[in-house]
Amino acid sequence: MKLSHTCRRNKQLGQGMTEYIVIVALIAVSAITVYSLFGRTLRDQTAGLAMEMSGQDAGDNISTAKTNANTATTKAETAKNMGSYNEN
């Protein structure tokens, strides 16, 4: 009796670990996707914030970040299919 209980418990623990790994993988893939779409904007925003906190003027970085945000929005709204696979 004890053997089947232990075996069942190990299967449940293995299932829980597998589900956890799948969830972590999905989060990682979505984070990579978001960073690839908005990475430049995030870097510019972070650089501007760091400059402002150090007492410097980040005016150029803010305008660059706005330009990159507009470009990212335009690319996100563009329809993508197999015909436009190689286009940027």
PDB file of N, CA and C in Angstrom:
ATOM      1  N   MET A   1       0.808  -1.202   0.000  1.00  0.00           N
ATOM      2  CA  MET A   1       0.000   0.000   0.000  1.00  0.00           C
ATOM      3  C   MET A   1       0.849   1.262   0.000  1.00  0.00           C
ATOM      4  N   LYS A   2       1.907   1.246   0.797  1.00  0.00           N
ATOM      5  CA  LYS A   2       2.735   2.432   0.891  1.00  0.00           C
ATOM      6  C   LYS A   2       3.429   2.743  -0.420  1.00  0.00           C
ATOM      7  N   LEU A   3       3.810   1.728  -1.163  1.00  0.00           N
ATOM      8  CA  LEU A   3       4.531   1.920  -2.403  1.00  0.00           C
ATOM      9  C   LEU A   3       3.697   2.688  -3.424  1.00  0.00           C
ATOM     10  N   SER A   4       2.429   2.338  -3.573  1.00  0.00           N
ATOM     11  CA  SER A   4       1.576   3.025  -4.545  1.00  0.00           C
ATOM     12  C   SER A   4       1.331   4.475  -4.127  1.00  0.00           C
ATOM     13  N   HIS A   5       1.234   4.718  -2.831  1.00  0.00           N
ATOM     14  CA  HIS A   5       1.051   6.085  -2.334  1.00  0.00           C
ATOM     15  C   HIS A   5       2.285   6.935  -2.647  1.00  0.00           C
ATOM     16  N   THR A   6       3.454   6.384  -2.456  1.00  0.00           N
ATOM     17  CA  THR A   6       4.703   7.107  -2.741  1.00  0.00           C
ATOM     18  C   THR A   6       4.837   7.365  -4.237  1.00  0.00           C
ATOM     19  N   CYS A   7       4.517   6.378  -5.036  1.00  0.00           N
ATOM     20  CA  CYS A   7       4.598   6.520  -6.484  1.00  0.00           C
ATOM     21  C   CYS A   7       3.642   7.605  -6.983  1.00  0.00           C
ATOM     22  N   ARG A   8       2.417   7.602  -6.463  1.00  0.00           N
ATOM     23  CA  ARG A   8       1.429   8.600  -6.863  1.00  0.00           C
ATOM     24  C   ARG A   8       1.893  10.006  -6.467  1.00  0.00           C
ATOM     25  N   ARG A   9       2.469  10.124  -5.280  1.00  0.00           N
ATOM     26  CA  ARG A   9       2.944  11.417  -4.800  1.00  0.00           C
ATOM     27  C   ARG A   9       4.085  11.938  -5.672  1.00  0.00           C
ATOM     28  N   ASN A  10       4.993  11.069  -6.084  1.00  0.00           N
ATOM     29  CA  ASN A  10       6.096  11.480  -6.947  1.00  0.00           C
ATOM     30  C   ASN A  10       5.594  11.951  -8.303  1.00  0.00           C
ATOM     31  N   LYS A  11       4.572  11.288  -8.845  1.00  0.00           N
ATOM     32  CA  LYS A  11       3.994  11.716 -10.121  1.00  0.00           C
ATOM     33  C   LYS A  11       3.368  13.096  -9.995  1.00  0.00           C
ATOM     34  N   GLN A  12       2.698  13.344  -8.885  1.00  0.00           N
ATOM     35  CA  GLN A  12       2.080  14.654  -8.682  1.00  0.00           C
ATOM     36  C   GLN A  12       3.141  15.737  -8.546  1.00  0.00           C
ATOM     37  N   LEU A  13       4.212  15.456  -7.833  1.00  0.00           N
ATOM     38  CA  LEU A  13       5.288  16.433  -7.703  1.00  0.00           C
ATOM     39  C   LEU A  13       5.940  16.705  -9.049  1.00  0.00           C
ATOM     40  N   GLY A  14       6.120  15.658  -9.843  1.00  0.00           N
ATOM     41  CA  GLY A  14       6.691  15.825 -11.182  1.00  0.00           C
ATOM     42  C   GLY A  14       5.783  16.650 -12.077  1.00  0.00           C
ATOM     43  N   GLN A  15       4.484  16.435 -11.973  1.00  0.00           N
ATOM     44  CA  GLN A  15       3.534  17.204 -12.771  1.00  0.00           C
ATOM     45  C   GLN A  15       3.570  18.669 -12.378  1.00  0.00           C
ATOM     46  N   GLY A  16       3.628  18.955 -11.093  1.00  0.00           N
ATOM     47  CA  GLY A  16       3.692  20.340 -10.634  1.00  0.00           C
ATOM     48  C   GLY A  16       4.941  21.039 -11.118  1.00  0.00           C
ATOM     49  N   MET A  17       6.070  20.342 -11.096  1.00  0.00           N
ATOM     50  CA  MET A  17       7.331  20.913 -11.565  1.00  0.00           C
ATOM     51  C   MET A  17       7.276  21.175 -13.063  1.00  0.00           C
ATOM     52  N   THR A  18       6.685  20.260 -13.821  1.00  0.00           N
ATOM     53  CA  THR A  18       6.556  20.444 -15.263  1.00  0.00           C
ATOM     54  C   THR A  18       5.697  21.665 -15.571  1.00  0.00           C
ATOM     55  N   GLU A  19       4.595  21.815 -14.866  1.00  0.00           N
ATOM     56  CA  GLU A  19       3.734  22.983 -15.088  1.00  0.00           C
ATOM     57  C   GLU A  19       4.475  24.271 -14.740  1.00  0.00           C
ATOM     58  N   TYR A  20       5.248  24.244 -13.685  1.00  0.00           N
ATOM     59  CA  TYR A  20       6.035  25.415 -13.288  1.00  0.00           C
ATOM     60  C   TYR A  20       7.049  25.770 -14.366  1.00  0.00           C
ATOM     61  N   ILE A  21       7.722  24.779 -14.937  1.00  0.00           N
ATOM     62  CA  ILE A  21       8.706  25.023 -15.992  1.00  0.00           C
ATOM     63  C   ILE A  21       8.033  25.608 -17.229  1.00  0.00           C
ATOM     64  N   VAL A  22       6.856  25.099 -17.589  1.00  0.00           N
ATOM     65  CA  VAL A  22       6.136  25.629 -18.750  1.00  0.00           C
ATOM     66  C   VAL A  22       5.755  27.093 -18.521  1.00  0.00           C
ATOM     67  N   ILE A  23       5.283  27.426 -17.335  1.00  0.00           N
ATOM     68  CA  ILE A  23       4.904  28.805 -17.031  1.00  0.00           C
ATOM     69  C   ILE A  23       6.118  29.723 -17.087  1.00  0.00           C
ATOM     70  N   VAL A  24       7.234  29.293 -16.514  1.00  0.00           N
ATOM     71  CA  VAL A  24       8.457  30.102 -16.545  1.00  0.00           C
ATOM     72  C   VAL A  24       8.935  30.292 -17.979  1.00  0.00           C
ATOM     73  N   ALA A  25       8.846  29.263 -18.793  1.00  0.00           N
ATOM     74  CA  ALA A  25       9.253  29.371 -20.198  1.00  0.00           C
ATOM     75  C   ALA A  25       8.363  30.357 -20.948  1.00  0.00           C
ATOM     76  N   LEU A  26       7.058  30.328 -20.715  1.00  0.00           N
ATOM     77  CA  LEU A  26       6.153  31.274 -21.375  1.00  0.00           C
ATOM     78  C   LEU A  26       6.444  32.707 -20.951  1.00  0.00           C
ATOM     79  N   ILE A  27       6.726  32.912 -19.690  1.00  0.00           N
ATOM     80  CA  ILE A  27       7.075  34.253 -19.215  1.00  0.00           C
ATOM     81  C   ILE A  27       8.373  34.723 -19.861  1.00  0.00           C
ATOM     82  N   ALA A  28       9.352  33.831 -19.966  1.00  0.00           N
ATOM     83  CA  ALA A  28      10.632  34.199 -20.581  1.00  0.00           C
ATOM     84  C   ALA A  28      10.455  34.559 -22.057  1.00  0.00           C
ATOM     85  N   VAL A  29       9.675  33.769 -22.779  1.00  0.00           N
ATOM     86  CA  VAL A  29       9.448  34.048 -24.199  1.00  0.00           C
ATOM     87  C   VAL A  29       8.718  35.374 -24.375  1.00  0.00           C
ATOM     88  N   SER A  30       7.720  35.640 -23.539  1.00  0.00           N
ATOM     89  CA  SER A  30       6.995  36.903 -23.668  1.00  0.00           C
ATOM     90  C   SER A  30       7.890  38.086 -23.293  1.00  0.00           C
ATOM     91  N   ALA A  31       8.750  37.927 -22.307  1.00  0.00           N
ATOM     92  CA  ALA A  31       9.671  39.008 -21.938  1.00  0.00           C
ATOM     93  C   ALA A  31      10.657  39.288 -23.064  1.00  0.00           C
ATOM     94  N   ILE A  32      11.164  38.253 -23.702  1.00  0.00           N
ATOM     95  CA  ILE A  32      12.082  38.436 -24.832  1.00  0.00           C
ATOM     96  C   ILE A  32      11.373  39.128 -25.985  1.00  0.00           C
ATOM     97  N   THR A  33      10.135  38.748 -26.244  1.00  0.00           N
ATOM     98  CA  THR A  33       9.368  39.372 -27.327  1.00  0.00           C
ATOM     99  C   THR A  33       9.137  40.851 -27.057  1.00  0.00           C
ATOM    100  N   VAL A  34       8.714  41.183 -25.860  1.00  0.00           N
ATOM    101  CA  VAL A  34       8.469  42.589 -25.507  1.00  0.00           C
ATOM    102  C   VAL A  34       9.765  43.384 -25.587  1.00  0.00           C
ATOM    103  N   TYR A  35      10.849  42.815 -25.090  1.00  0.00           N
ATOM    104  CA  TYR A  35      12.122  43.536 -25.121  1.00  0.00           C
ATOM    105  C   TYR A  35      12.614  43.717 -26.549  1.00  0.00           C
ATOM    106  N   SER A  36      12.393  42.740 -27.427  1.00  0.00           N
ATOM    107  CA  SER A  36      12.825  42.894 -28.814  1.00  0.00           C
ATOM    108  C   SER A  36      12.000  43.952 -29.535  1.00  0.00           C
ATOM    109  N   LEU A  37      10.724  44.105 -29.170  1.00  0.00           N
ATOM    110  CA  LEU A  37       9.893  45.130 -29.797  1.00  0.00           C
ATOM    111  C   LEU A  37      10.177  46.525 -29.250  1.00  0.00           C
ATOM    112  N   PHE A  38      10.372  46.624 -27.944  1.00  0.00           N
ATOM    113  CA  PHE A  38      10.497  47.928 -27.312  1.00  0.00           C
ATOM    114  C   PHE A  38      11.838  48.126 -26.614  1.00  0.00           C
ATOM    115  N   GLY A  39      12.847  47.329 -26.959  1.00  0.00           N
ATOM    116  CA  GLY A  39      14.139  47.380 -26.292  1.00  0.00           C
ATOM    117  C   GLY A  39      14.835  48.723 -26.405  1.00  0.00           C
ATOM    118  N   ARG A  40      14.857  49.268 -27.592  1.00  0.00           N
ATOM    119  CA  ARG A  40      15.536  50.552 -27.794  1.00  0.00           C
ATOM    120  C   ARG A  40      14.856  51.647 -26.981  1.00  0.00           C
ATOM    121  N   THR A  41      13.546  51.648 -26.982  1.00  0.00           N
ATOM    122  CA  THR A  41      12.801  52.643 -26.208  1.00  0.00           C
ATOM    123  C   THR A  41      13.080  52.478 -24.717  1.00  0.00           C
ATOM    124  N   LEU A  42      13.089  51.238 -24.244  1.00  0.00           N
ATOM    125  CA  LEU A  42      13.376  50.992 -22.829  1.00  0.00           C
ATOM    126  C   LEU A  42      14.785  51.450 -22.457  1.00  0.00           C
ATOM    127  N   ARG A  43      15.756  51.173 -23.320  1.00  0.00           N
ATOM    128  CA  ARG A  43      17.129  51.609 -23.043  1.00  0.00           C
ATOM    129  C   ARG A  43      17.224  53.126 -23.006  1.00  0.00           C
ATOM    130  N   ASP A  44      16.569  53.795 -23.952  1.00  0.00           N
ATOM    131  CA  ASP A  44      16.605  55.266 -23.982  1.00  0.00           C
ATOM    132  C   ASP A  44      15.905  55.860 -22.760  1.00  0.00           C
ATOM    133  N   GLN A  45      14.790  55.281 -22.372  1.00  0.00           N
ATOM    134  CA  GLN A  45      14.083  55.774 -21.188  1.00  0.00           C
ATOM    135  C   GLN A  45      14.935  55.591 -19.933  1.00  0.00           C
ATOM    136  N   THR A  46      15.578  54.438 -19.812  1.00  0.00           N
ATOM    137  CA  THR A  46      16.431  54.173 -18.661  1.00  0.00           C
ATOM    138  C   THR A  46      17.633  55.109 -18.645  1.00  0.00           C
ATOM    139  N   ALA A  47      18.229  55.339 -19.802  1.00  0.00           N
ATOM    140  CA  ALA A  47      19.370  56.253 -19.878  1.00  0.00           C
ATOM    141  C   ALA A  47      18.943  57.674 -19.522  1.00  0.00           C
ATOM    142  N   GLY A  48      17.785  58.108 -20.002  1.00  0.00           N
ATOM    143  CA  GLY A  48      17.282  59.432 -19.669  1.00  0.00           C
ATOM    144  C   GLY A  48      17.003  59.584 -18.186  1.00  0.00           C
ATOM    145  N   LEU A  49      16.429  58.560 -17.599  1.00  0.00           N
ATOM    146  CA  LEU A  49      16.150  58.580 -16.167  1.00  0.00           C
ATOM    147  C   LEU A  49      17.439  58.653 -15.362  1.00  0.00           C
ATOM    148  N   ALA A  50      18.442  57.878 -15.772  1.00  0.00           N
ATOM    149  CA  ALA A  50      19.725  57.893 -15.062  1.00  0.00           C
ATOM    150  C   ALA A  50      20.398  59.260 -15.185  1.00  0.00           C
ATOM    151  N   MET A  51      20.302  59.868 -16.360  1.00  0.00           N
ATOM    152  CA  MET A  51      20.900  61.200 -16.546  1.00  0.00           C
ATOM    153  C   MET A  51      20.194  62.241 -15.688  1.00  0.00           C
ATOM    154  N   GLU A  52      18.877  62.204 -15.655  1.00  0.00           N
ATOM    155  CA  GLU A  52      18.116  63.160 -14.849  1.00  0.00           C
ATOM    156  C   GLU A  52      18.417  62.986 -13.363  1.00  0.00           C
ATOM    157  N   MET A  53      18.551  61.756 -12.925  1.00  0.00           N
ATOM    158  CA  MET A  53      18.842  61.516 -11.514  1.00  0.00           C
ATOM    159  C   MET A  53      20.244  61.974 -11.130  1.00  0.00           C
ATOM    160  N   SER A  54      21.159  61.982 -12.099  1.00  0.00           N
ATOM    161  CA  SER A  54      22.519  62.442 -11.810  1.00  0.00           C
ATOM    162  C   SER A  54      22.663  63.954 -11.965  1.00  0.00           C
ATOM    163  N   GLY A  55      21.588  64.636 -12.347  1.00  0.00           N
ATOM    164  CA  GLY A  55      21.609  66.085 -12.436  1.00  0.00           C
ATOM    165  C   GLY A  55      21.884  66.627 -13.823  1.00  0.00           C
ATOM    166  N   GLN A  56      21.985  65.769 -14.815  1.00  0.00           N
ATOM    167  CA  GLN A  56      22.245  66.208 -16.186  1.00  0.00           C
ATOM    168  C   GLN A  56      20.927  66.377 -16.927  1.00  0.00           C
ATOM    169  N   ASP A  57      20.984  67.073 -18.059  1.00  0.00           N
ATOM    170  CA  ASP A  57      19.789  67.274 -18.880  1.00  0.00           C
ATOM    171  C   ASP A  57      19.641  66.096 -19.836  1.00  0.00           C
ATOM    172  N   ALA A  58      18.491  65.487 -19.865  1.00  0.00           N
ATOM    173  CA  ALA A  58      18.246  64.333 -20.726  1.00  0.00           C
ATOM    174  C   ALA A  58      17.309  64.685 -21.872  1.00  0.00           C
ATOM    175  N   GLY A  59      17.294  65.926 -22.292  1.00  0.00           N
ATOM    176  CA  GLY A  59      16.382  66.370 -23.343  1.00  0.00           C
ATOM    177  C   GLY A  59      16.543  65.612 -24.637  1.00  0.00           C
ATOM    178  N   ASP A  60      17.790  65.349 -25.053  1.00  0.00           N
ATOM    179  CA  ASP A  60      18.017  64.627 -26.305  1.00  0.00           C
ATOM    180  C   ASP A  60      17.542  63.184 -26.207  1.00  0.00           C
ATOM    181  N   ASN A  61      17.766  62.570 -25.075  1.00  0.00           N
ATOM    182  CA  ASN A  61      17.330  61.181 -24.908  1.00  0.00           C
ATOM    183  C   ASN A  61      15.817  61.061 -24.901  1.00  0.00           C
ATOM    184  N   ILE A  62      15.134  62.049 -24.362  1.00  0.00           N
ATOM    185  CA  ILE A  62      13.668  62.010 -24.331  1.00  0.00           C
ATOM    186  C   ILE A  62      13.101  62.094 -25.742  1.00  0.00           C
ATOM    187  N   SER A  63      13.650  62.981 -26.571  1.00  0.00           N
ATOM    188  CA  SER A  63      13.145  63.088 -27.941  1.00  0.00           C
ATOM    189  C   SER A  63      13.476  61.827 -28.727  1.00  0.00           C
ATOM    190  N   THR A  64      14.640  61.241 -28.492  1.00  0.00           N
ATOM    191  CA  THR A  64      14.993  59.988 -29.152  1.00  0.00           C
ATOM    192  C   THR A  64      14.055  58.872 -28.703  1.00  0.00           C
ATOM    193  N   ALA A  65      13.728  58.848 -27.420  1.00  0.00           N
ATOM    194  CA  ALA A  65      12.819  57.824 -26.900  1.00  0.00           C
ATOM    195  C   ALA A  65      11.431  57.975 -27.512  1.00  0.00           C
ATOM    196  N   LYS A  66      10.968  59.210 -27.675  1.00  0.00           N
ATOM    197  CA  LYS A  66       9.653  59.425 -28.291  1.00  0.00           C
ATOM    198  C   LYS A  66       9.653  58.960 -29.737  1.00  0.00           C
ATOM    199  N   THR A  67      10.735  59.255 -30.453  1.00  0.00           N
ATOM    200  CA  THR A  67      10.844  58.818 -31.848  1.00  0.00           C
ATOM    201  C   THR A  67      10.835  57.295 -31.931  1.00  0.00           C
ATOM    202  N   ASN A  68      11.602  56.657 -31.050  1.00  0.00           N
ATOM    203  CA  ASN A  68      11.638  55.192 -31.055  1.00  0.00           C
ATOM    204  C   ASN A  68      10.304  54.590 -30.660  1.00  0.00           C
ATOM    205  N   ALA A  69       9.593  55.219 -29.749  1.00  0.00           N
ATOM    206  CA  ALA A  69       8.274  54.734 -29.357  1.00  0.00           C
ATOM    207  C   ALA A  69       7.302  54.822 -30.524  1.00  0.00           C
ATOM    208  N   ASN A  70       7.353  55.929 -31.269  1.00  0.00           N
ATOM    209  CA  ASN A  70       6.484  56.070 -32.442  1.00  0.00           C
ATOM    210  C   ASN A  70       6.821  55.036 -33.505  1.00  0.00           C
ATOM    211  N   THR A  71       8.117  54.776 -33.709  1.00  0.00           N
ATOM    212  CA  THR A  71       8.536  53.765 -34.682  1.00  0.00           C
ATOM    213  C   THR A  71       8.050  52.385 -34.259  1.00  0.00           C
ATOM    214  N   ALA A  72       8.181  52.071 -32.970  1.00  0.00           N
ATOM    215  CA  ALA A  72       7.722  50.774 -32.466  1.00  0.00           C
ATOM    216  C   ALA A  72       6.221  50.619 -32.634  1.00  0.00           C
ATOM    217  N   THR A  73       5.477  51.690 -32.391  1.00  0.00           N
ATOM    218  CA  THR A  73       4.020  51.648 -32.558  1.00  0.00           C
ATOM    219  C   THR A  73       3.655  51.397 -34.008  1.00  0.00           C
ATOM    220  N   THR A  74       4.346  52.076 -34.914  1.00  0.00           N
ATOM    221  CA  THR A  74       4.087  51.894 -36.342  1.00  0.00           C
ATOM    222  C   THR A  74       4.381  50.460 -36.763  1.00  0.00           C
ATOM    223  N   LYS A  75       5.510  49.910 -36.297  1.00  0.00           N
ATOM    224  CA  LYS A  75       5.851  48.528 -36.649  1.00  0.00           C
ATOM    225  C   LYS A  75       4.868  47.540 -36.050  1.00  0.00           C
ATOM    226  N   ALA A  76       4.371  47.824 -34.848  1.00  0.00           N
ATOM    227  CA  ALA A  76       3.420  46.916 -34.209  1.00  0.00           C
ATOM    228  C   ALA A  76       2.084  46.908 -34.931  1.00  0.00           C
ATOM    229  N   GLU A  77       1.722  48.011 -35.554  1.00  0.00           N
ATOM    230  CA  GLU A  77       0.437  48.107 -36.260  1.00  0.00           C
ATOM    231  C   GLU A  77       0.506  47.572 -37.680  1.00  0.00           C
ATOM    232  N   THR A  78       1.712  47.305 -38.177  1.00  0.00           N
ATOM    233  CA  THR A  78       1.885  46.805 -39.532  1.00  0.00           C
ATOM    234  C   THR A  78       1.463  45.346 -39.597  1.00  0.00           C
ATOM    235  N   ALA A  79       0.668  45.014 -40.604  1.00  0.00           N
ATOM    236  CA  ALA A  79       0.226  43.632 -40.783  1.00  0.00           C
ATOM    237  C   ALA A  79       1.409  42.785 -41.230  1.00  0.00           C
ATOM    238  N   LYS A  80       1.581  41.651 -40.585  1.00  0.00           N
ATOM    239  CA  LYS A  80       2.686  40.758 -40.918  1.00  0.00           C
ATOM    240  C   LYS A  80       2.114  39.427 -41.371  1.00  0.00           C
ATOM    241  N   ASN A  81       2.685  38.923 -42.452  1.00  0.00           N
ATOM    242  CA  ASN A  81       2.285  37.621 -42.963  1.00  0.00           C
ATOM    243  C   ASN A  81       3.483  37.001 -43.675  1.00  0.00           C
ATOM    244  N   MET A  82       3.291  35.873 -44.298  1.00  0.00           N
ATOM    245  CA  MET A  82       4.401  35.194 -44.959  1.00  0.00           C
ATOM    246  C   MET A  82       4.947  35.989 -46.136  1.00  0.00           C
ATOM    247  N   GLY A  83       4.134  36.819 -46.771  1.00  0.00           N
ATOM    248  CA  GLY A  83       4.594  37.639 -47.883  1.00  0.00           C
ATOM    249  C   GLY A  83       5.537  38.747 -47.474  1.00  0.00           C
ATOM    250  N   SER A  84       5.428  39.178 -46.231  1.00  0.00           N
ATOM    251  CA  SER A  84       6.289  40.270 -45.744  1.00  0.00           C
ATOM    252  C   SER A  84       7.308  39.760 -44.720  1.00  0.00           C
ATOM    253  N   TYR A  85       7.674  38.502 -44.813  1.00  0.00           N
ATOM    254  CA  TYR A  85       8.550  37.883 -43.809  1.00  0.00           C
ATOM    255  C   TYR A  85       9.928  38.533 -43.773  1.00  0.00           C
ATOM    256  N   ASN A  86      10.532  38.839 -44.907  1.00  0.00           N
ATOM    257  CA  ASN A  86      11.889  39.392 -44.957  1.00  0.00           C
ATOM    258  C   ASN A  86      11.928  40.894 -44.857  1.00  0.00           C
ATOM    259  N   GLU A  87      10.806  41.555 -44.814  1.00  0.00           N
ATOM    260  CA  GLU A  87      10.779  43.002 -44.740  1.00  0.00           C
ATOM    261  C   GLU A  87      10.950  43.466 -43.294  1.00  0.00           C
ATOM    262  N   ASN A  88      11.575  44.623 -43.131  1.00  0.00           N
ATOM    263  CA  ASN A  88      11.749  45.163 -41.778  1.00  0.00           C
ATOM    264  C   ASN A  88      10.624  46.058 -41.430  1.00  0.00           C
TER     265      ASN A  88
END
